[in-house]
Protein backbone atom coordinates (compact mmCIF):
# COMPACT_ATOMS: atom_id res chain seq x y z
CA MET A 1 8.18 -15.45 19.28
CA VAL A 2 7.90 -14.28 15.67
CA ARG A 3 7.60 -10.55 14.97
CA VAL A 4 6.02 -9.17 11.81
CA LEU A 5 5.91 -5.49 10.87
CA VAL A 6 3.10 -4.16 8.68
CA ALA A 7 4.19 -0.98 6.87
CA SER A 8 1.63 -0.37 4.16
CA ASP A 9 0.21 2.66 2.41
CA LYS A 10 -3.55 2.98 1.91
CA PHE A 11 -5.59 1.01 -0.63
CA LYS A 12 -7.03 4.09 -2.32
CA GLY A 13 -10.81 4.13 -2.35
CA SER A 14 -11.02 1.14 -0.04
CA LEU A 15 -8.82 0.96 3.07
CA THR A 16 -6.68 3.39 5.03
CA ALA A 17 -3.15 2.35 5.94
CA ALA A 18 -4.32 1.69 9.50
CA GLU A 19 -7.18 -0.50 8.24
CA VAL A 20 -4.75 -2.46 6.06
CA ALA A 21 -2.56 -3.05 9.11
CA ALA A 22 -5.52 -4.17 11.23
CA ALA A 23 -6.69 -6.65 8.60
CA VAL A 24 -3.22 -8.08 8.05
CA SER A 25 -2.70 -8.39 11.80
CA ALA A 26 -6.00 -10.23 12.28
CA GLY A 27 -5.28 -12.66 9.46
CA MET A 28 -1.71 -13.29 10.59
CA ARG A 29 -2.83 -14.09 14.12
CA ARG A 30 -5.47 -16.44 12.81
CA GLY A 31 -2.80 -18.32 10.89
CA ARG A 32 -0.13 -18.07 13.59
CA PRO A 33 -1.59 -17.29 17.04
CA ASP A 34 1.90 -16.85 18.48
CA VAL A 35 2.93 -14.10 16.05
CA VAL A 36 3.48 -10.53 17.26
CA VAL A 37 2.34 -8.01 14.66
CA ASP A 38 3.40 -4.37 14.86
CA ALA A 39 2.21 -1.64 12.52
CA ILE A 40 3.83 1.48 11.11
CA PRO A 41 1.40 3.08 8.63
CA VAL A 42 3.31 4.84 5.84
CA ALA A 43 2.65 7.21 2.95
CA ASP A 44 4.60 8.73 0.09
CA GLY A 45 3.78 12.37 0.80
CA GLY A 46 0.20 12.30 -0.45
CA ASP A 47 -3.00 11.21 1.27
CA GLY A 48 -2.21 9.51 4.55
CA THR A 49 0.94 11.46 5.41
CA LEU A 50 -0.71 13.14 8.41
CA ALA A 51 -2.06 9.80 9.62
CA ALA A 52 1.39 8.24 9.34
CA ALA A 53 2.90 11.08 11.37
CA ALA A 54 0.15 10.81 13.99
CA SER A 55 0.75 7.08 14.36
CA ALA A 56 4.40 7.86 15.07
CA GLY A 57 3.58 10.17 17.97
CA PHE A 58 3.07 13.53 16.28
CA ALA A 59 0.20 15.58 17.72
CA LEU A 60 -2.47 16.72 15.28
CA VAL A 61 -3.12 20.46 15.55
CA PRO A 62 -6.43 21.53 13.96
CA VAL A 63 -6.51 24.62 11.76
CA ARG A 64 -9.12 26.19 9.47
CA VAL A 65 -7.89 27.14 6.01
CA THR A 66 -9.29 28.13 2.63
CA GLY A 67 -10.06 25.16 0.41
CA PRO A 68 -8.99 24.90 -3.23
CA THR A 69 -12.12 26.65 -4.50
CA GLY A 70 -12.55 29.12 -1.64
CA GLU A 71 -14.64 27.20 0.87
CA PRO A 72 -13.53 26.87 4.54
CA VAL A 73 -11.73 23.59 5.23
CA GLU A 74 -10.89 22.00 8.57
CA THR A 75 -7.45 20.42 8.32
CA SER A 76 -4.55 19.78 10.69
CA TYR A 77 -0.81 19.83 10.78
CA ALA A 78 1.12 17.22 12.72
CA ARG A 79 3.63 18.50 15.28
CA ARG A 80 6.45 16.99 17.28
CA ASP A 81 8.84 19.40 19.00
CA ASP A 82 9.64 22.04 16.37
CA ILE A 83 8.79 19.82 13.37
CA ALA A 84 5.47 20.24 11.59
CA VAL A 85 4.08 18.02 8.85
CA VAL A 86 1.58 19.57 6.44
CA GLU A 87 -0.36 17.42 3.96
CA LEU A 88 -1.31 19.43 0.90
CA ALA A 89 -3.91 16.82 -0.06
CA ASP A 90 -5.81 17.40 3.17
CA ALA A 91 -5.84 21.19 2.83
CA SER A 92 -5.89 21.73 -0.93
CA GLY A 93 -6.46 18.32 -2.48
CA LEU A 94 -8.93 16.73 -4.85
CA ALA A 95 -11.07 15.49 -1.97
CA ARG A 96 -11.61 19.13 -0.94
CA LEU A 97 -13.51 20.04 -4.12
CA PRO A 98 -17.20 20.15 -3.12
CA ASP A 99 -18.43 20.83 -6.65
CA GLY A 100 -15.93 18.85 -8.68
CA PRO A 101 -12.73 19.88 -10.47
CA ASP A 102 -11.97 23.52 -11.24
CA PRO A 103 -8.74 23.27 -13.24
CA LEU A 104 -8.32 27.00 -13.92
CA ARG A 105 -9.30 28.42 -10.53
CA ALA A 106 -8.33 25.77 -7.95
CA SER A 107 -5.64 27.07 -5.59
CA SER A 108 -3.00 25.74 -3.20
CA LEU A 109 -3.71 28.63 -0.78
CA GLY A 110 -4.90 26.41 2.09
CA ALA A 111 -1.67 24.43 2.25
CA GLY A 112 0.28 27.68 2.61
CA GLN A 113 -2.09 28.81 5.36
CA ALA A 114 -1.53 25.53 7.24
CA MET A 115 2.23 26.02 6.95
CA ALA A 116 1.88 29.60 8.19
CA ALA A 117 -0.13 28.43 11.21
CA ALA A 118 2.58 25.92 12.12
CA ILE A 119 5.37 28.47 11.71
CA ASP A 120 3.50 31.10 13.71
CA ALA A 121 3.05 28.50 16.48
CA GLY A 122 6.82 28.10 16.74
CA CYS A 123 7.66 25.26 14.35
CA ARG A 124 10.98 25.75 12.62
CA ARG A 125 11.16 22.65 10.44
CA ILE A 126 8.31 22.20 7.98
CA VAL A 127 7.75 18.98 6.05
CA LEU A 128 5.27 19.48 3.22
CA GLY A 129 3.75 16.44 1.52
CA ILE A 130 2.53 17.54 -1.90
CA GLY A 131 0.75 14.54 -3.42
CA GLY A 132 -2.94 14.73 -4.28
CA SER A 133 -3.08 18.38 -5.35
CA ALA A 134 -6.27 19.80 -6.89
CA SER A 135 -4.63 22.85 -8.50
CA THR A 136 -2.27 23.89 -11.27
CA ASP A 137 -1.38 27.31 -9.91
CA GLY A 138 2.41 27.12 -9.91
CA GLY A 139 2.35 27.22 -6.11
CA ALA A 140 1.20 30.84 -6.20
CA GLY A 141 -1.61 30.11 -3.75
CA LEU A 142 0.77 28.40 -1.35
CA LEU A 143 3.03 31.47 -1.41
CA CYS A 144 0.09 33.78 -0.73
CA GLY A 145 -0.92 31.61 2.21
CA LEU A 146 2.55 32.23 3.62
CA GLY A 147 2.30 35.99 3.15
CA ALA A 148 3.32 36.72 -0.44
CA ARG A 149 1.24 39.19 -2.46
CA LEU A 150 0.71 39.02 -6.22
CA PHE A 151 -0.55 41.94 -8.30
CA THR A 152 -1.84 42.65 -11.79
CA VAL A 153 -0.48 45.46 -13.95
CA ALA A 154 -3.26 47.67 -12.54
CA GLY A 155 -2.11 46.97 -8.99
CA ASP A 156 -5.03 44.70 -8.11
CA PRO A 157 -4.59 41.33 -6.36
CA VAL A 158 -4.56 38.49 -8.87
CA GLY A 159 -7.32 35.91 -8.94
CA PRO A 160 -6.85 32.33 -7.77
CA GLY A 161 -5.52 29.35 -9.65
CA GLY A 162 -3.67 28.96 -12.89
CA ALA A 163 -5.93 31.55 -14.51
CA GLY A 164 -4.59 34.13 -12.07
CA LEU A 165 -1.07 33.51 -13.35
CA GLU A 166 -2.12 35.01 -16.68
CA GLU A 167 -2.50 38.38 -14.96
CA VAL A 168 0.32 38.55 -12.42
CA THR A 169 3.03 41.14 -13.10
CA ARG A 170 4.46 41.85 -9.64
CA ILE A 171 5.47 39.82 -6.58
CA GLU A 172 5.91 41.08 -3.02
CA VAL A 173 7.44 38.64 -0.54
CA ASP A 174 8.48 40.80 2.43
CA GLN A 175 5.98 39.20 4.83
CA LEU A 176 6.77 35.72 3.52
CA ARG A 177 10.49 36.23 4.08
CA ARG A 178 9.95 37.52 7.60
CA ARG A 179 7.79 34.51 8.43
CA LEU A 180 10.31 32.05 6.99
CA GLU A 181 13.34 33.51 8.74
CA GLY A 182 15.05 30.64 10.54
CA VAL A 183 12.64 28.09 9.07
CA SER A 184 13.61 25.15 6.85
CA VAL A 185 11.16 23.61 4.40
CA THR A 186 11.47 20.07 3.08
CA VAL A 187 9.07 18.87 0.41
CA ALA A 188 8.06 15.22 0.15
CA CYS A 189 7.85 14.71 -3.59
CA ASP A 190 7.67 11.50 -5.63
CA VAL A 191 7.72 12.89 -9.19
CA ASP A 192 10.48 14.52 -11.23
CA ASN A 193 8.44 16.45 -13.81
CA PRO A 194 9.57 19.95 -14.82
CA LEU A 195 7.14 22.84 -14.48
CA THR A 196 6.29 23.30 -18.16
CA GLY A 197 6.38 21.52 -21.49
CA PRO A 198 5.17 18.10 -22.64
CA THR A 199 6.14 16.42 -19.36
CA GLY A 200 5.20 19.41 -17.20
CA ALA A 201 2.56 20.00 -14.57
CA ALA A 202 -0.27 20.98 -16.93
CA ALA A 203 0.40 18.45 -19.69
CA VAL A 204 0.80 15.41 -17.44
CA TYR A 205 -1.40 16.13 -14.45
CA GLY A 206 -3.84 18.77 -15.73
CA PRO A 207 -6.22 16.21 -17.27
CA GLN A 208 -6.36 14.34 -13.95
CA LYS A 209 -7.61 17.60 -12.41
CA GLY A 210 -10.32 18.12 -15.00
CA ALA A 211 -8.49 20.20 -17.62
CA ASP A 212 -9.50 19.74 -21.26
CA PRO A 213 -6.87 20.12 -24.04
CA ASP A 214 -7.48 23.85 -24.45
CA GLN A 215 -7.21 24.39 -20.70
CA VAL A 216 -4.00 22.34 -20.59
CA ARG A 217 -2.45 24.63 -23.21
CA ARG A 218 -3.68 27.70 -21.36
CA LEU A 219 -2.32 26.45 -18.04
CA ASP A 220 1.06 25.52 -19.52
CA ALA A 221 1.40 29.00 -21.02
CA ALA A 222 0.41 30.60 -17.71
CA LEU A 223 2.96 28.49 -15.83
CA GLY A 224 5.65 29.54 -18.32
CA ARG A 225 4.72 33.18 -17.81
CA TRP A 226 4.83 32.68 -14.03
CA ALA A 227 8.24 31.01 -14.23
CA SER A 228 9.65 33.92 -16.24
CA LEU A 229 8.31 36.44 -13.72
CA VAL A 230 9.77 34.51 -10.78
CA ALA A 231 13.09 34.17 -12.60
CA SER A 232 13.23 37.93 -13.17
CA PHE A 233 12.59 38.37 -9.45
CA THR A 234 15.06 35.78 -8.11
CA GLY A 235 17.65 35.77 -10.88
CA THR A 236 17.35 31.99 -11.38
CA ASP A 237 15.02 30.08 -13.69
CA LEU A 238 14.04 26.78 -12.07
CA ARG A 239 11.19 25.72 -14.36
CA GLY A 240 13.23 22.79 -15.69
CA ARG A 241 14.32 21.48 -12.29
CA PRO A 242 13.16 17.89 -11.61
CA GLY A 243 10.15 18.08 -9.30
CA ALA A 244 9.25 21.66 -10.24
CA GLY A 245 6.05 20.37 -11.81
CA ALA A 246 4.96 18.44 -8.73
CA ALA A 247 1.52 19.32 -7.33
CA GLY A 248 0.68 21.68 -10.16
CA GLY A 249 3.87 23.68 -9.69
CA VAL A 250 4.03 23.78 -5.89
CA GLY A 251 7.43 22.12 -6.26
CA PHE A 252 8.57 25.08 -8.37
CA ALA A 253 7.36 27.69 -5.87
CA ALA A 254 8.96 25.82 -2.98
CA LEU A 255 12.29 25.62 -4.78
CA ALA A 256 12.30 29.16 -6.14
CA LEU A 257 10.93 31.20 -3.24
CA LEU A 258 11.02 29.02 -0.11
CA GLY A 259 14.54 27.67 -0.53
CA ALA A 260 13.07 24.21 -0.03
CA GLU A 261 14.73 20.85 -0.44
CA LEU A 262 12.80 18.28 -2.48
CA ARG A 263 13.16 14.71 -1.26
CA SER A 264 11.64 11.32 -1.94
CA GLY A 265 8.30 11.27 -0.16
CA ILE A 266 8.53 7.73 1.15
CA GLU A 267 12.14 8.12 2.31
CA LEU A 268 11.19 11.27 4.21
CA VAL A 269 8.13 9.65 5.80
CA LEU A 270 10.18 6.60 6.83
CA GLU A 271 12.58 8.93 8.62
CA LEU A 272 9.73 10.76 10.37
CA VAL A 273 8.21 7.51 11.67
CA ASP A 274 11.64 6.06 12.60
CA PHE A 275 11.05 3.01 10.45
CA ALA A 276 14.61 1.70 10.81
CA ALA A 277 14.19 1.33 14.58
CA GLY A 278 10.95 -0.57 14.05
CA LEU A 279 12.80 -3.27 12.09
CA ASP A 280 14.72 -4.49 15.12
CA GLY A 281 13.92 -8.16 15.73
CA VAL A 282 11.44 -8.37 12.84
CA ALA A 283 11.24 -11.59 10.81
CA LEU A 284 9.05 -10.29 8.00
CA VAL A 285 7.79 -6.94 6.70
CA VAL A 286 4.41 -6.74 4.97
CA THR A 287 4.07 -3.64 2.82
CA GLY A 288 1.54 -2.67 0.17
CA GLU A 289 -0.76 -0.26 -1.62
CA GLY A 290 -3.87 -0.47 -3.75
CA ALA A 291 -2.10 -1.34 -7.01
CA LEU A 292 1.39 -2.67 -7.57
CA ASP A 293 2.48 -1.37 -10.97
CA GLU A 294 5.33 0.45 -12.67
CA GLN A 295 4.63 3.57 -10.59
CA THR A 296 5.25 1.50 -7.46
CA LEU A 297 8.86 1.06 -8.52
CA ASN A 298 9.36 4.81 -8.95
CA GLY A 299 9.32 6.12 -5.40
CA LYS A 300 6.03 4.76 -4.07
CA ALA A 301 5.70 3.46 -0.53
CA PRO A 302 6.20 -0.31 -1.10
CA ALA A 303 9.46 0.20 -2.98
CA GLY A 304 10.77 2.54 -0.29
CA VAL A 305 9.80 0.17 2.50
CA ALA A 306 11.39 -2.77 0.68
CA ALA A 307 14.64 -0.87 0.16
CA ALA A 308 14.84 0.10 3.83
CA ALA A 309 14.05 -3.44 4.95
CA ALA A 310 16.68 -4.86 2.60
CA ARG A 311 19.32 -2.66 4.20
CA ALA A 312 18.41 -4.28 7.53
CA GLY A 313 18.38 -7.79 6.06
CA VAL A 314 14.63 -8.28 6.58
CA SER A 315 12.48 -10.08 4.01
CA VAL A 316 9.47 -8.32 2.48
CA VAL A 317 6.17 -9.39 0.97
CA ALA A 318 3.51 -7.08 -0.41
CA VAL A 319 -0.27 -6.99 -0.31
CA CYS A 320 -2.36 -5.07 -2.82
CA GLY A 321 -5.69 -4.86 -4.54
CA VAL A 322 -4.26 -5.74 -7.93
CA ASN A 323 -0.73 -6.70 -8.98
CA GLU A 324 0.62 -5.83 -12.43
CA LEU A 325 4.28 -6.68 -11.74
CA ASP A 326 5.86 -10.02 -12.60
CA PRO A 327 7.98 -11.89 -10.02
CA ASP A 328 11.28 -10.69 -11.51
CA ARG A 329 10.23 -7.03 -11.26
CA LEU A 330 9.09 -7.58 -7.69
CA ARG A 331 12.31 -9.28 -6.66
CA ALA A 332 14.36 -6.51 -8.27
CA ALA A 333 12.51 -4.09 -5.97
CA GLY A 334 13.25 -6.25 -2.93
CA ILE A 335 9.75 -7.74 -2.66
CA GLY A 336 9.81 -11.52 -2.34
CA ALA A 337 6.16 -12.10 -3.21
CA ALA A 338 2.96 -10.19 -3.84
CA TYR A 339 -0.53 -11.15 -2.69
CA ALA A 340 -3.43 -9.41 -4.44
CA LEU A 341 -7.08 -9.30 -3.49
CA THR A 342 -7.89 -10.17 -7.10
CA ASP A 343 -5.99 -13.45 -6.62
CA ILE A 344 -8.88 -14.69 -4.49
CA GLU A 345 -11.72 -12.45 -5.70
CA PRO A 346 -11.79 -11.41 -9.39
CA ASP A 347 -14.74 -9.06 -8.84
CA ARG A 348 -13.03 -5.72 -8.29
CA GLN A 349 -16.14 -4.09 -6.89
CA ARG A 350 -16.24 -6.72 -4.18
CA CYS A 351 -12.52 -6.14 -3.56
CA LEU A 352 -13.31 -2.49 -2.90
CA ARG A 353 -16.35 -3.29 -0.77
CA ASP A 354 -14.97 -6.24 1.22
CA GLY A 355 -11.27 -5.42 1.14
CA ALA A 356 -10.64 -5.92 4.86
CA ALA A 357 -12.16 -9.41 5.00
CA LEU A 358 -10.32 -10.49 1.85
CA LEU A 359 -7.08 -9.07 3.18
CA GLU A 360 -7.47 -11.12 6.36
CA GLN A 361 -7.66 -14.25 4.22
CA ILE A 362 -4.54 -13.24 2.35
CA ALA A 363 -2.65 -12.50 5.57
CA GLU A 364 -3.52 -15.94 6.91
CA GLN A 365 -2.00 -17.40 3.75
CA ILE A 366 1.11 -15.23 4.14
CA ALA A 367 1.59 -16.64 7.63
CA ALA A 368 1.35 -20.17 6.25
CA ASP A 369 3.70 -19.43 3.35
CA HIS A 370 6.37 -17.40 5.11
CA LEU A 371 6.37 -18.12 8.84
CA ILE A 372 7.18 -21.46 10.43
CA LYS A 373 7.33 -22.38 14.07
CA GLU A 374 10.68 -22.05 15.78
CA ASP A 375 10.67 -25.68 16.88
CA ALA A 376 10.23 -26.79 13.27
CA CYS A 377 13.53 -25.17 12.25
CA ALA A 378 16.68 -27.10 12.97
CA ASP A 379 18.66 -23.89 12.80
CA GLY A 380 16.21 -21.94 14.96
CA GLY A 381 15.05 -19.80 12.06
CA MET A 382 11.56 -18.37 11.89
CA LEU A 383 11.20 -17.46 8.23
CA THR A 384 10.87 -19.55 5.14
CA GLU A 385 11.02 -18.10 1.64
CA VAL A 386 8.32 -19.28 -0.73
CA THR A 387 8.30 -18.34 -4.42
CA ARG A 388 4.81 -17.69 -5.76
């Protein structure tokens, strides 16, 4: 019996991680009816983190929060024992913008409210995935969702988003500190940008959230002002810390006022889903994401899965929509071969539309390329390496 483990992230805009696993499983079984295919959907801290936790046995707890532009949003946190997983993208992400981007006013408030709900329900270990943010508010909204209060010089509550940071002069965190007593916060983060400057939250990620050049400059100045205020409050300036610029500055707020630890998103998710245990007896791991590119090698799910599989001595291949990495770069990341939808269908619109069917074809080919019957191996092996 040959065992294969599918541990893929989503194909953004096309297939969820679970749908990728289902398509790979179907294709593998068509090519090798005797194969046993298991699935552990994974994510890097962004979209799909809740789904990965749920697939690993966490219970989804529904909660209503305030969306990034003020509308009610139905989200969930995932709970197992006293651990809660909150996905910022689901509460305060780009997909939660009903009227399009609002770079100056979008807020991370909802993610903080989801964390507060989990803590108030008895969770004492919070894992916050911060990919997919819609805001550049320095994490101020998140803090307010947890009980912090921010005021203008006139004593009025500040407005939402990065624009609100232009007015804040005073921070009150008594309620936040009471809520967080005895609670640890770990942030799943896959970027190392500082809060401000040319590689900071506004400059690098602001345009992706709809900010024009003038708004980028305005947001960067507001984040710098916010960092100075927080530093005067805490006694430590963390604006330059790697990861402070993650999720529009949520990384900064988590470091400065939540005492959080920032960790690689994929490594943290692999721990939550007990990926190492799932490798027992596996002949081949199939990982993947929508595009294999240079970002993949910098903390994305396929690279993390490949590294973990390598430690267990298990070979890895990857599936994707499009592959921009040459074989040497793939092998250096621990990926023996990559199979892209565009290898068999150059029309990218069809790849998006018919991704599952195309992926089944690819998986059938993977079975032919990498799995051979036990009785065909003189040494009893089940896996053959093929260079593509």
